[in-house]
Every structure is written in C-alpha cells, then in structure tokens.
Amino acid sequence: MSEEKKTGRPKLEIDKDLVEKLALIHCTPQEIGFIVGAHPDTIRKRFSAELSKGKAEGKRKLRRKQFEVALQGNPTMLVWLGKNLLGQSDSPLGDDDTKALPWTDDLD
C-alpha cells in the first residue's frame, strides 16, 4: 500500500477568535496577517465572516460609548451626533432663507 502525499502548503492554524477580536478594533487584514503570520489574502478568504462580525461588533460598541458620552452632557459629542444622525447643521438657514430681501429706496 502506498501512502498518498499531500501537495501544497500545509494549512496554517489560525485562531478564529483572535481574528474576530482584532477585527473588532478595526485592524486591517494586513495587520491581522502580520500578527498571526498569514498573508492578508488568506485572512480575507478564510475569515470573512469573523472580519464582518468583529467590525460590526466594534462599531456597535463605539456607537454605544458615543451615546453614553453624549448623554452625560459632552457638548462636542452631542453636536457631532446631532449633525450625523439627526441631519442638524451649524447654519440655521434653509434654502429659501439665503436669498436677499428686495431693496427699495421708497420711504413713504
């Protein structure tokens, strides 16, 4: 009986939880690859679900913290969230309010 030899590189064991935790803090596939010793393409191909899940969880945590800070009275965060989530702006004028008023010299 002859033994079959596998061709190609042996599959590198990479901790899925570590990839997800690194994605949570928005590490790039290049950075994650450097940390775990794999090519960024390997990270993208084998761990796309973990990358997506980690990034989504990181955004959720950041959003929650922003709301906590804003609701504690931080004016900068209140303004930023108001502009980005509520469509508020620094300019109180609408489109119709930017036109010049008609000018007359009549003083009757």
PDB file of N, CA and C in Angstrom:
ATOM      1  N   MET A   1       0.824  -1.169   0.000  1.00  0.00           N
ATOM      2  CA  MET A   1       0.000   0.000   0.000  1.00  0.00           C
ATOM      3  C   MET A   1       0.877   1.243   0.000  1.00  0.00           C
ATOM      4  N   SER A   2       0.677   2.103  -0.947  1.00  0.00           N
ATOM      5  CA  SER A   2       1.487   3.321  -0.993  1.00  0.00           C
ATOM      6  C   SER A   2       0.730   4.480  -0.344  1.00  0.00           C
ATOM      7  N   GLU A   3       1.480   5.287   0.371  1.00  0.00           N
ATOM      8  CA  GLU A   3       0.875   6.441   1.036  1.00  0.00           C
ATOM      9  C   GLU A   3       0.794   7.596   0.060  1.00  0.00           C
ATOM     10  N   GLU A   4      -0.359   8.267   0.066  1.00  0.00           N
ATOM     11  CA  GLU A   4      -0.507   9.442  -0.789  1.00  0.00           C
ATOM     12  C   GLU A   4       0.096  10.635  -0.087  1.00  0.00           C
ATOM     13  N   LYS A   5       0.878  11.396  -0.822  1.00  0.00           N
ATOM     14  CA  LYS A   5       1.459  12.608  -0.261  1.00  0.00           C
ATOM     15  C   LYS A   5       0.587  13.787  -0.674  1.00  0.00           C
ATOM     16  N   LYS A   6       0.318  14.631   0.306  1.00  0.00           N
ATOM     17  CA  LYS A   6      -0.455  15.837   0.013  1.00  0.00           C
ATOM     18  C   LYS A   6       0.476  16.852  -0.627  1.00  0.00           C
ATOM     19  N   THR A   7      -0.043  17.526  -1.622  1.00  0.00           N
ATOM     20  CA  THR A   7       0.744  18.573  -2.273  1.00  0.00           C
ATOM     21  C   THR A   7       0.292  19.930  -1.771  1.00  0.00           C
ATOM     22  N   GLY A   8       1.130  20.893  -1.924  1.00  0.00           N
ATOM     23  CA  GLY A   8       0.804  22.251  -1.484  1.00  0.00           C
ATOM     24  C   GLY A   8       1.251  22.492  -0.060  1.00  0.00           C
ATOM     25  N   ARG A   9       1.016  23.693   0.375  1.00  0.00           N
ATOM     26  CA  ARG A   9       1.389  24.088   1.730  1.00  0.00           C
ATOM     27  C   ARG A   9       0.452  23.490   2.756  1.00  0.00           C
ATOM     28  N   PRO A  10       0.983  23.181   3.922  1.00  0.00           N
ATOM     29  CA  PRO A  10       0.078  22.743   4.991  1.00  0.00           C
ATOM     30  C   PRO A  10      -0.789  23.927   5.434  1.00  0.00           C
ATOM     31  N   LYS A  11      -2.019  23.651   5.789  1.00  0.00           N
ATOM     32  CA  LYS A  11      -2.931  24.706   6.189  1.00  0.00           C
ATOM     33  C   LYS A  11      -2.509  25.265   7.542  1.00  0.00           C
ATOM     34  N   LEU A  12      -2.292  26.558   7.589  1.00  0.00           N
ATOM     35  CA  LEU A  12      -1.871  27.243   8.798  1.00  0.00           C
ATOM     36  C   LEU A  12      -3.044  27.330   9.766  1.00  0.00           C
ATOM     37  N   GLU A  13      -2.821  26.932  11.002  1.00  0.00           N
ATOM     38  CA  GLU A  13      -3.852  27.017  12.031  1.00  0.00           C
ATOM     39  C   GLU A  13      -3.893  28.452  12.548  1.00  0.00           C
ATOM     40  N   ILE A  14      -5.042  29.082  12.434  1.00  0.00           N
ATOM     41  CA  ILE A  14      -5.216  30.465  12.874  1.00  0.00           C
ATOM     42  C   ILE A  14      -6.420  30.512  13.809  1.00  0.00           C
ATOM     43  N   ASP A  15      -6.254  31.173  14.927  1.00  0.00           N
ATOM     44  CA  ASP A  15      -7.310  31.291  15.925  1.00  0.00           C
ATOM     45  C   ASP A  15      -8.407  32.232  15.427  1.00  0.00           C
ATOM     46  N   LYS A  16      -9.599  31.671  15.182  1.00  0.00           N
ATOM     47  CA  LYS A  16     -10.719  32.462  14.663  1.00  0.00           C
ATOM     48  C   LYS A  16     -11.136  33.557  15.644  1.00  0.00           C
ATOM     49  N   ASP A  17     -11.085  33.249  16.937  1.00  0.00           N
ATOM     50  CA  ASP A  17     -11.466  34.239  17.942  1.00  0.00           C
ATOM     51  C   ASP A  17     -10.510  35.431  17.943  1.00  0.00           C
ATOM     52  N   LEU A  18      -9.230  35.163  17.752  1.00  0.00           N
ATOM     53  CA  LEU A  18      -8.249  36.237  17.696  1.00  0.00           C
ATOM     54  C   LEU A  18      -8.506  37.129  16.480  1.00  0.00           C
ATOM     55  N   VAL A  19      -8.799  36.519  15.340  1.00  0.00           N
ATOM     56  CA  VAL A  19      -9.102  37.304  14.135  1.00  0.00           C
ATOM     57  C   VAL A  19     -10.300  38.205  14.395  1.00  0.00           C
ATOM     58  N   GLU A  20     -11.345  37.653  15.019  1.00  0.00           N
ATOM     59  CA  GLU A  20     -12.548  38.440  15.308  1.00  0.00           C
ATOM     60  C   GLU A  20     -12.246  39.576  16.284  1.00  0.00           C
ATOM     61  N   LYS A  21     -11.449  39.306  17.323  1.00  0.00           N
ATOM     62  CA  LYS A  21     -11.101  40.340  18.296  1.00  0.00           C
ATOM     63  C   LYS A  21     -10.285  41.456  17.656  1.00  0.00           C
ATOM     64  N   LEU A  22      -9.392  41.095  16.746  1.00  0.00           N
ATOM     65  CA  LEU A  22      -8.594  42.110  16.057  1.00  0.00           C
ATOM     66  C   LEU A  22      -9.459  42.918  15.096  1.00  0.00           C
ATOM     67  N   ALA A  23     -10.431  42.262  14.455  1.00  0.00           N
ATOM     68  CA  ALA A  23     -11.349  42.973  13.570  1.00  0.00           C
ATOM     69  C   ALA A  23     -12.235  43.922  14.373  1.00  0.00           C
ATOM     70  N   LEU A  24     -12.562  43.552  15.602  1.00  0.00           N
ATOM     71  CA  LEU A  24     -13.384  44.383  16.476  1.00  0.00           C
ATOM     72  C   LEU A  24     -12.746  45.759  16.686  1.00  0.00           C
ATOM     73  N   ILE A  25     -11.430  45.804  16.783  1.00  0.00           N
ATOM     74  CA  ILE A  25     -10.743  47.089  16.941  1.00  0.00           C
ATOM     75  C   ILE A  25     -10.282  47.631  15.586  1.00  0.00           C
ATOM     76  N   HIS A  26     -10.882  47.104  14.533  1.00  0.00           N
ATOM     77  CA  HIS A  26     -10.696  47.537  13.148  1.00  0.00           C
ATOM     78  C   HIS A  26      -9.263  47.414  12.638  1.00  0.00           C
ATOM     79  N   CYS A  27      -8.590  46.341  13.044  1.00  0.00           N
ATOM     80  CA  CYS A  27      -7.309  46.014  12.423  1.00  0.00           C
ATOM     81  C   CYS A  27      -7.590  45.613  10.973  1.00  0.00           C
ATOM     82  N   THR A  28      -6.702  45.955  10.081  1.00  0.00           N
ATOM     83  CA  THR A  28      -6.850  45.587   8.683  1.00  0.00           C
ATOM     84  C   THR A  28      -6.429  44.133   8.483  1.00  0.00           C
ATOM     85  N   PRO A  29      -6.843  43.514   7.372  1.00  0.00           N
ATOM     86  CA  PRO A  29      -6.353  42.160   7.086  1.00  0.00           C
ATOM     87  C   PRO A  29      -4.822  42.090   7.043  1.00  0.00           C
ATOM     88  N   GLN A  30      -4.178  43.168   6.596  1.00  0.00           N
ATOM     89  CA  GLN A  30      -2.719  43.208   6.582  1.00  0.00           C
ATOM     90  C   GLN A  30      -2.164  43.130   8.000  1.00  0.00           C
ATOM     91  N   GLU A  31      -2.753  43.910   8.909  1.00  0.00           N
ATOM     92  CA  GLU A  31      -2.292  43.908  10.298  1.00  0.00           C
ATOM     93  C   GLU A  31      -2.567  42.561  10.962  1.00  0.00           C
ATOM     94  N   ILE A  32      -3.754  42.018  10.732  1.00  0.00           N
ATOM     95  CA  ILE A  32      -4.094  40.720  11.316  1.00  0.00           C
ATOM     96  C   ILE A  32      -3.155  39.647  10.770  1.00  0.00           C
ATOM     97  N   GLY A  33      -2.910  39.680   9.467  1.00  0.00           N
ATOM     98  CA  GLY A  33      -1.995  38.722   8.854  1.00  0.00           C
ATOM     99  C   GLY A  33      -0.608  38.798   9.450  1.00  0.00           C
ATOM    100  N   PHE A  34      -0.135  40.000   9.692  1.00  0.00           N
ATOM    101  CA  PHE A  34       1.187  40.174  10.296  1.00  0.00           C
ATOM    102  C   PHE A  34       1.223  39.554  11.692  1.00  0.00           C
ATOM    103  N   ILE A  35       0.152  39.766  12.457  1.00  0.00           N
ATOM    104  CA  ILE A  35       0.101  39.261  13.831  1.00  0.00           C
ATOM    105  C   ILE A  35       0.043  37.737  13.874  1.00  0.00           C
ATOM    106  N   VAL A  36      -0.761  37.132  12.987  1.00  0.00           N
ATOM    107  CA  VAL A  36      -0.940  35.674  13.036  1.00  0.00           C
ATOM    108  C   VAL A  36      -0.004  34.922  12.093  1.00  0.00           C
ATOM    109  N   GLY A  37       0.771  35.655  11.309  1.00  0.00           N
ATOM    110  CA  GLY A  37       1.726  35.007  10.412  1.00  0.00           C
ATOM    111  C   GLY A  37       1.118  34.459   9.141  1.00  0.00           C
ATOM    112  N   ALA A  38       0.143  35.170   8.600  1.00  0.00           N
ATOM    113  CA  ALA A  38      -0.513  34.723   7.365  1.00  0.00           C
ATOM    114  C   ALA A  38      -0.607  35.883   6.377  1.00  0.00           C
ATOM    115  N   HIS A  39      -0.791  35.557   5.130  1.00  0.00           N
ATOM    116  CA  HIS A  39      -0.951  36.564   4.092  1.00  0.00           C
ATOM    117  C   HIS A  39      -2.324  37.222   4.249  1.00  0.00           C
ATOM    118  N   PRO A  40      -2.425  38.531   3.990  1.00  0.00           N
ATOM    119  CA  PRO A  40      -3.725  39.206   4.102  1.00  0.00           C
ATOM    120  C   PRO A  40      -4.830  38.554   3.264  1.00  0.00           C
ATOM    121  N   ASP A  41      -4.480  38.028   2.103  1.00  0.00           N
ATOM    122  CA  ASP A  41      -5.489  37.342   1.271  1.00  0.00           C
ATOM    123  C   ASP A  41      -6.048  36.112   1.982  1.00  0.00           C
ATOM    124  N   THR A  42      -5.199  35.417   2.719  1.00  0.00           N
ATOM    125  CA  THR A  42      -5.652  34.255   3.493  1.00  0.00           C
ATOM    126  C   THR A  42      -6.653  34.696   4.548  1.00  0.00           C
ATOM    127  N   ILE A  43      -6.365  35.801   5.198  1.00  0.00           N
ATOM    128  CA  ILE A  43      -7.267  36.330   6.228  1.00  0.00           C
ATOM    129  C   ILE A  43      -8.608  36.695   5.594  1.00  0.00           C
ATOM    130  N   ARG A  44      -8.558  37.402   4.474  1.00  0.00           N
ATOM    131  CA  ARG A  44      -9.802  37.809   3.790  1.00  0.00           C
ATOM    132  C   ARG A  44     -10.629  36.602   3.349  1.00  0.00           C
ATOM    133  N   LYS A  45      -9.972  35.589   2.778  1.00  0.00           N
ATOM    134  CA  LYS A  45     -10.682  34.438   2.211  1.00  0.00           C
ATOM    135  C   LYS A  45     -11.220  33.496   3.283  1.00  0.00           C
ATOM    136  N   ARG A  46     -10.385  33.163   4.266  1.00  0.00           N
ATOM    137  CA  ARG A  46     -10.775  32.155   5.256  1.00  0.00           C
ATOM    138  C   ARG A  46     -11.586  32.707   6.413  1.00  0.00           C
ATOM    139  N   PHE A  47     -11.511  34.018   6.638  1.00  0.00           N
ATOM    140  CA  PHE A  47     -12.127  34.583   7.837  1.00  0.00           C
ATOM    141  C   PHE A  47     -13.039  35.768   7.537  1.00  0.00           C
ATOM    142  N   SER A  48     -13.683  35.760   6.389  1.00  0.00           N
ATOM    143  CA  SER A  48     -14.549  36.897   6.036  1.00  0.00           C
ATOM    144  C   SER A  48     -15.694  37.065   7.036  1.00  0.00           C
ATOM    145  N   ALA A  49     -16.251  35.952   7.518  1.00  0.00           N
ATOM    146  CA  ALA A  49     -17.341  36.042   8.497  1.00  0.00           C
ATOM    147  C   ALA A  49     -16.847  36.657   9.805  1.00  0.00           C
ATOM    148  N   GLU A  50     -15.676  36.238  10.261  1.00  0.00           N
ATOM    149  CA  GLU A  50     -15.113  36.764  11.504  1.00  0.00           C
ATOM    150  C   GLU A  50     -14.756  38.243  11.360  1.00  0.00           C
ATOM    151  N   LEU A  51     -14.239  38.625  10.187  1.00  0.00           N
ATOM    152  CA  LEU A  51     -13.923  40.027   9.935  1.00  0.00           C
ATOM    153  C   LEU A  51     -15.193  40.877   9.992  1.00  0.00           C
ATOM    154  N   SER A  52     -16.245  40.417   9.315  1.00  0.00           N
ATOM    155  CA  SER A  52     -17.508  41.161   9.301  1.00  0.00           C
ATOM    156  C   SER A  52     -18.124  41.257  10.688  1.00  0.00           C
ATOM    157  N   LYS A  53     -18.150  40.140  11.390  1.00  0.00           N
ATOM    158  CA  LYS A  53     -18.738  40.118  12.727  1.00  0.00           C
ATOM    159  C   LYS A  53     -17.960  41.007  13.689  1.00  0.00           C
ATOM    160  N   GLY A  54     -16.633  40.922  13.648  1.00  0.00           N
ATOM    161  CA  GLY A  54     -15.801  41.729  14.536  1.00  0.00           C
ATOM    162  C   GLY A  54     -15.957  43.219  14.274  1.00  0.00           C
ATOM    163  N   LYS A  55     -15.951  43.610  13.009  1.00  0.00           N
ATOM    164  CA  LYS A  55     -16.108  45.036  12.680  1.00  0.00           C
ATOM    165  C   LYS A  55     -17.479  45.549  13.105  1.00  0.00           C
ATOM    166  N   ALA A  56     -18.523  44.755  12.875  1.00  0.00           N
ATOM    167  CA  ALA A  56     -19.868  45.168  13.274  1.00  0.00           C
ATOM    168  C   ALA A  56     -19.957  45.333  14.791  1.00  0.00           C
ATOM    169  N   GLU A  57     -19.365  44.408  15.527  1.00  0.00           N
ATOM    170  CA  GLU A  57     -19.380  44.488  16.992  1.00  0.00           C
ATOM    171  C   GLU A  57     -18.583  45.705  17.471  1.00  0.00           C
ATOM    172  N   GLY A  58     -17.473  45.993  16.825  1.00  0.00           N
ATOM    173  CA  GLY A  58     -16.682  47.171  17.171  1.00  0.00           C
ATOM    174  C   GLY A  58     -17.458  48.460  16.947  1.00  0.00           C
ATOM    175  N   LYS A  59     -18.176  48.538  15.830  1.00  0.00           N
ATOM    176  CA  LYS A  59     -18.998  49.727  15.552  1.00  0.00           C
ATOM    177  C   LYS A  59     -20.110  49.862  16.583  1.00  0.00           C
ATOM    178  N   ARG A  60     -20.727  48.735  16.954  1.00  0.00           N
ATOM    179  CA  ARG A  60     -21.799  48.770  17.943  1.00  0.00           C
ATOM    180  C   ARG A  60     -21.284  49.299  19.281  1.00  0.00           C
ATOM    181  N   LYS A  61     -20.132  48.794  19.709  1.00  0.00           N
ATOM    182  CA  LYS A  61     -19.566  49.228  20.984  1.00  0.00           C
ATOM    183  C   LYS A  61     -19.183  50.704  20.956  1.00  0.00           C
ATOM    184  N   LEU A  62     -18.600  51.144  19.847  1.00  0.00           N
ATOM    185  CA  LEU A  62     -18.216  52.545  19.717  1.00  0.00           C
ATOM    186  C   LEU A  62     -19.449  53.447  19.719  1.00  0.00           C
ATOM    187  N   ARG A  63     -20.478  53.045  18.986  1.00  0.00           N
ATOM    188  CA  ARG A  63     -21.719  53.830  18.943  1.00  0.00           C
ATOM    189  C   ARG A  63     -22.329  53.938  20.341  1.00  0.00           C
ATOM    190  N   ARG A  64     -22.358  52.831  21.072  1.00  0.00           N
ATOM    191  CA  ARG A  64     -22.909  52.850  22.434  1.00  0.00           C
ATOM    192  C   ARG A  64     -22.120  53.812  23.320  1.00  0.00           C
ATOM    193  N   LYS A  65     -20.797  53.766  23.223  1.00  0.00           N
ATOM    194  CA  LYS A  65     -19.958  54.641  24.049  1.00  0.00           C
ATOM    195  C   LYS A  65     -20.168  56.110  23.669  1.00  0.00           C
ATOM    196  N   GLN A  66     -20.329  56.384  22.371  1.00  0.00           N
ATOM    197  CA  GLN A  66     -20.591  57.757  21.938  1.00  0.00           C
ATOM    198  C   GLN A  66     -21.898  58.267  22.538  1.00  0.00           C
ATOM    199  N   PHE A  67     -22.929  57.445  22.533  1.00  0.00           N
ATOM    200  CA  PHE A  67     -24.192  57.849  23.121  1.00  0.00           C
ATOM    201  C   PHE A  67     -24.059  58.067  24.621  1.00  0.00           C
ATOM    202  N   GLU A  68     -23.322  57.196  25.301  1.00  0.00           N
ATOM    203  CA  GLU A  68     -23.119  57.362  26.741  1.00  0.00           C
ATOM    204  C   GLU A  68     -22.446  58.699  27.033  1.00  0.00           C
ATOM    205  N   VAL A  69     -21.392  59.005  26.276  1.00  0.00           N
ATOM    206  CA  VAL A  69     -20.652  60.251  26.479  1.00  0.00           C
ATOM    207  C   VAL A  69     -21.549  61.448  26.171  1.00  0.00           C
ATOM    208  N   ALA A  70     -22.292  61.369  25.079  1.00  0.00           N
ATOM    209  CA  ALA A  70     -23.183  62.478  24.707  1.00  0.00           C
ATOM    210  C   ALA A  70     -24.252  62.691  25.774  1.00  0.00           C
ATOM    211  N   LEU A  71     -24.860  61.610  26.237  1.00  0.00           N
ATOM    212  CA  LEU A  71     -25.946  61.733  27.208  1.00  0.00           C
ATOM    213  C   LEU A  71     -25.450  62.123  28.603  1.00  0.00           C
ATOM    214  N   GLN A  72     -24.138  62.047  28.812  1.00  0.00           N
ATOM    215  CA  GLN A  72     -23.560  62.559  30.064  1.00  0.00           C
ATOM    216  C   GLN A  72     -23.305  64.061  29.959  1.00  0.00           C
ATOM    217  N   GLY A  73     -23.635  64.640  28.794  1.00  0.00           N
ATOM    218  CA  GLY A  73     -23.550  66.087  28.636  1.00  0.00           C
ATOM    219  C   GLY A  73     -22.346  66.586  27.860  1.00  0.00           C
ATOM    220  N   ASN A  74     -21.601  65.727  27.199  1.00  0.00           N
ATOM    221  CA  ASN A  74     -20.449  66.178  26.417  1.00  0.00           C
ATOM    222  C   ASN A  74     -20.942  66.956  25.198  1.00  0.00           C
ATOM    223  N   PRO A  75     -20.710  68.288  25.162  1.00  0.00           N
ATOM    224  CA  PRO A  75     -21.262  69.096  24.076  1.00  0.00           C
ATOM    225  C   PRO A  75     -20.719  68.736  22.698  1.00  0.00           C
ATOM    226  N   THR A  76     -19.456  68.377  22.634  1.00  0.00           N
ATOM    227  CA  THR A  76     -18.875  68.021  21.332  1.00  0.00           C
ATOM    228  C   THR A  76     -19.557  66.785  20.755  1.00  0.00           C
ATOM    229  N   MET A  77     -19.762  65.778  21.596  1.00  0.00           N
ATOM    230  CA  MET A  77     -20.403  64.560  21.120  1.00  0.00           C
ATOM    231  C   MET A  77     -21.873  64.800  20.812  1.00  0.00           C
ATOM    232  N   LEU A  78     -22.530  65.642  21.591  1.00  0.00           N
ATOM    233  CA  LEU A  78     -23.931  65.973  21.308  1.00  0.00           C
ATOM    234  C   LEU A  78     -24.062  66.632  19.934  1.00  0.00           C
ATOM    235  N   VAL A  79     -23.184  67.585  19.638  1.00  0.00           N
ATOM    236  CA  VAL A  79     -23.222  68.264  18.344  1.00  0.00           C
ATOM    237  C   VAL A  79     -22.915  67.287  17.221  1.00  0.00           C
ATOM    238  N   TRP A  80     -21.878  66.471  17.411  1.00  0.00           N
ATOM    239  CA  TRP A  80     -21.488  65.526  16.354  1.00  0.00           C
ATOM    240  C   TRP A  80     -22.611  64.551  16.043  1.00  0.00           C
ATOM    241  N   LEU A  81     -23.207  63.961  17.070  1.00  0.00           N
ATOM    242  CA  LEU A  81     -24.306  63.016  16.854  1.00  0.00           C
ATOM    243  C   LEU A  81     -25.521  63.719  16.248  1.00  0.00           C
ATOM    244  N   GLY A  82     -25.779  64.946  16.680  1.00  0.00           N
ATOM    245  CA  GLY A  82     -26.900  65.701  16.106  1.00  0.00           C
ATOM    246  C   GLY A  82     -26.721  65.929  14.610  1.00  0.00           C
ATOM    247  N   LYS A  83     -25.520  66.290  14.215  1.00  0.00           N
ATOM    248  CA  LYS A  83     -25.243  66.522  12.783  1.00  0.00           C
ATOM    249  C   LYS A  83     -25.308  65.226  11.987  1.00  0.00           C
ATOM    250  N   ASN A  84     -24.736  64.171  12.533  1.00  0.00           N
ATOM    251  CA  ASN A  84     -24.622  62.931  11.765  1.00  0.00           C
ATOM    252  C   ASN A  84     -25.862  62.049  11.809  1.00  0.00           C
ATOM    253  N   LEU A  85     -26.605  62.091  12.876  1.00  0.00           N
ATOM    254  CA  LEU A  85     -27.777  61.226  12.977  1.00  0.00           C
ATOM    255  C   LEU A  85     -29.095  61.960  12.784  1.00  0.00           C
ATOM    256  N   LEU A  86     -29.112  63.238  13.116  1.00  0.00           N
ATOM    257  CA  LEU A  86     -30.358  63.984  13.056  1.00  0.00           C
ATOM    258  C   LEU A  86     -30.408  64.992  11.908  1.00  0.00           C
ATOM    259  N   GLY A  87     -29.322  65.087  11.138  1.00  0.00           N
ATOM    260  CA  GLY A  87     -29.299  65.998   9.994  1.00  0.00           C
ATOM    261  C   GLY A  87     -29.221  67.469  10.393  1.00  0.00           C
ATOM    262  N   GLN A  88     -28.787  67.741  11.602  1.00  0.00           N
ATOM    263  CA  GLN A  88     -28.668  69.131  12.053  1.00  0.00           C
ATOM    264  C   GLN A  88     -27.417  69.755  11.439  1.00  0.00           C
ATOM    265  N   SER A  89     -27.391  71.108  11.404  1.00  0.00           N
ATOM    266  CA  SER A  89     -26.221  71.786  10.852  1.00  0.00           C
ATOM    267  C   SER A  89     -25.940  73.047  11.653  1.00  0.00           C
ATOM    268  N   ASP A  90     -24.786  73.633  11.386  1.00  0.00           N
ATOM    269  CA  ASP A  90     -24.413  74.878  12.055  1.00  0.00           C
ATOM    270  C   ASP A  90     -25.173  76.057  11.485  1.00  0.00           C
ATOM    271  N   SER A  91     -25.656  75.930  10.267  1.00  0.00           N
ATOM    272  CA  SER A  91     -26.356  77.013   9.593  1.00  0.00           C
ATOM    273  C   SER A  91     -27.862  76.868   9.823  1.00  0.00           C
ATOM    274  N   PRO A  92     -28.480  77.826  10.508  1.00  0.00           N
ATOM    275  CA  PRO A  92     -29.914  77.715  10.771  1.00  0.00           C
ATOM    276  C   PRO A  92     -30.773  78.087   9.564  1.00  0.00           C
ATOM    277  N   LEU A  93     -30.160  78.551   8.481  1.00  0.00           N
ATOM    278  CA  LEU A  93     -30.910  78.988   7.312  1.00  0.00           C
ATOM    279  C   LEU A  93     -31.217  77.835   6.384  1.00  0.00           C
ATOM    280  N   GLY A  94     -32.417  77.825   5.863  1.00  0.00           N
ATOM    281  CA  GLY A  94     -32.784  76.859   4.842  1.00  0.00           C
ATOM    282  C   GLY A  94     -32.484  77.440   3.469  1.00  0.00           C
ATOM    283  N   ASP A  95     -32.832  76.758   2.410  1.00  0.00           N
ATOM    284  CA  ASP A  95     -32.550  77.228   1.054  1.00  0.00           C
ATOM    285  C   ASP A  95     -33.257  78.538   0.746  1.00  0.00           C
ATOM    286  N   ASP A  96     -34.518  78.676   1.156  1.00  0.00           N
ATOM    287  CA  ASP A  96     -35.273  79.886   0.848  1.00  0.00           C
ATOM    288  C   ASP A  96     -34.790  81.083   1.648  1.00  0.00           C
ATOM    289  N   ASP A  97     -34.192  80.863   2.775  1.00  0.00           N
ATOM    290  CA  ASP A  97     -33.754  81.949   3.637  1.00  0.00           C
ATOM    291  C   ASP A  97     -32.425  82.561   3.209  1.00  0.00           C
ATOM    292  N   THR A  98     -31.779  82.016   2.204  1.00  0.00           N
ATOM    293  CA  THR A  98     -30.473  82.537   1.804  1.00  0.00           C
ATOM    294  C   THR A  98     -30.587  83.609   0.722  1.00  0.00           C
ATOM    295  N   LYS A  99     -31.776  83.832   0.194  1.00  0.00           N
ATOM    296  CA  LYS A  99     -31.966  84.856  -0.842  1.00  0.00           C
ATOM    297  C   LYS A  99     -32.027  86.227  -0.189  1.00  0.00           C
ATOM    298  N   ALA A 100     -31.500  87.213  -0.894  1.00  0.00           N
ATOM    299  CA  ALA A 100     -31.528  88.588  -0.396  1.00  0.00           C
ATOM    300  C   ALA A 100     -32.954  89.130  -0.445  1.00  0.00           C
ATOM    301  N   LEU A 101     -33.280  89.962   0.542  1.00  0.00           N
ATOM    302  CA  LEU A 101     -34.591  90.601   0.560  1.00  0.00           C
ATOM    303  C   LEU A 101     -34.642  91.666  -0.531  1.00  0.00           C
ATOM    304  N   PRO A 102     -35.816  91.952  -1.082  1.00  0.00           N
ATOM    305  CA  PRO A 102     -35.911  93.019  -2.088  1.00  0.00           C
ATOM    306  C   PRO A 102     -35.585  94.364  -1.440  1.00  0.00           C
ATOM    307  N   TRP A 103     -34.904  95.234  -2.177  1.00  0.00           N
ATOM    308  CA  TRP A 103     -34.465  96.524  -1.657  1.00  0.00           C
ATOM    309  C   TRP A 103     -35.226  97.635  -2.363  1.00  0.00           C
ATOM    310  N   THR A 104     -35.740  98.519  -1.578  1.00  0.00           N
ATOM    311  CA  THR A 104     -36.395  99.700  -2.176  1.00  0.00           C
ATOM    312  C   THR A 104     -35.902 100.935  -1.441  1.00  0.00           C
ATOM    313  N   ASP A 105     -35.886 102.063  -2.161  1.00  0.00           N
ATOM    314  CA  ASP A 105     -35.480 103.337  -1.550  1.00  0.00           C
ATOM    315  C   ASP A 105     -36.701 104.162  -1.186  1.00  0.00           C
ATOM    316  N   ASP A 106     -37.876 103.620  -1.365  1.00  0.00           N
ATOM    317  CA  ASP A 106     -39.106 104.352  -1.041  1.00  0.00           C
ATOM    318  C   ASP A 106     -39.291 104.404   0.461  1.00  0.00           C
ATOM    319  N   LEU A 107     -39.423 105.599   1.016  1.00  0.00           N
ATOM    320  CA  LEU A 107     -39.619 105.768   2.441  1.00  0.00           C
ATOM    321  C   LEU A 107     -40.982 106.413   2.714  1.00  0.00           C
ATOM    322  N   ASP A 108     -41.998 106.047   2.006  1.00  0.00           N
ATOM    323  CA  ASP A 108     -43.324 106.639   2.173  1.00  0.00           C
ATOM    324  C   ASP A 108     -43.905 106.345   3.478  1.00  0.00           C
TER     325      ASP A 108
END
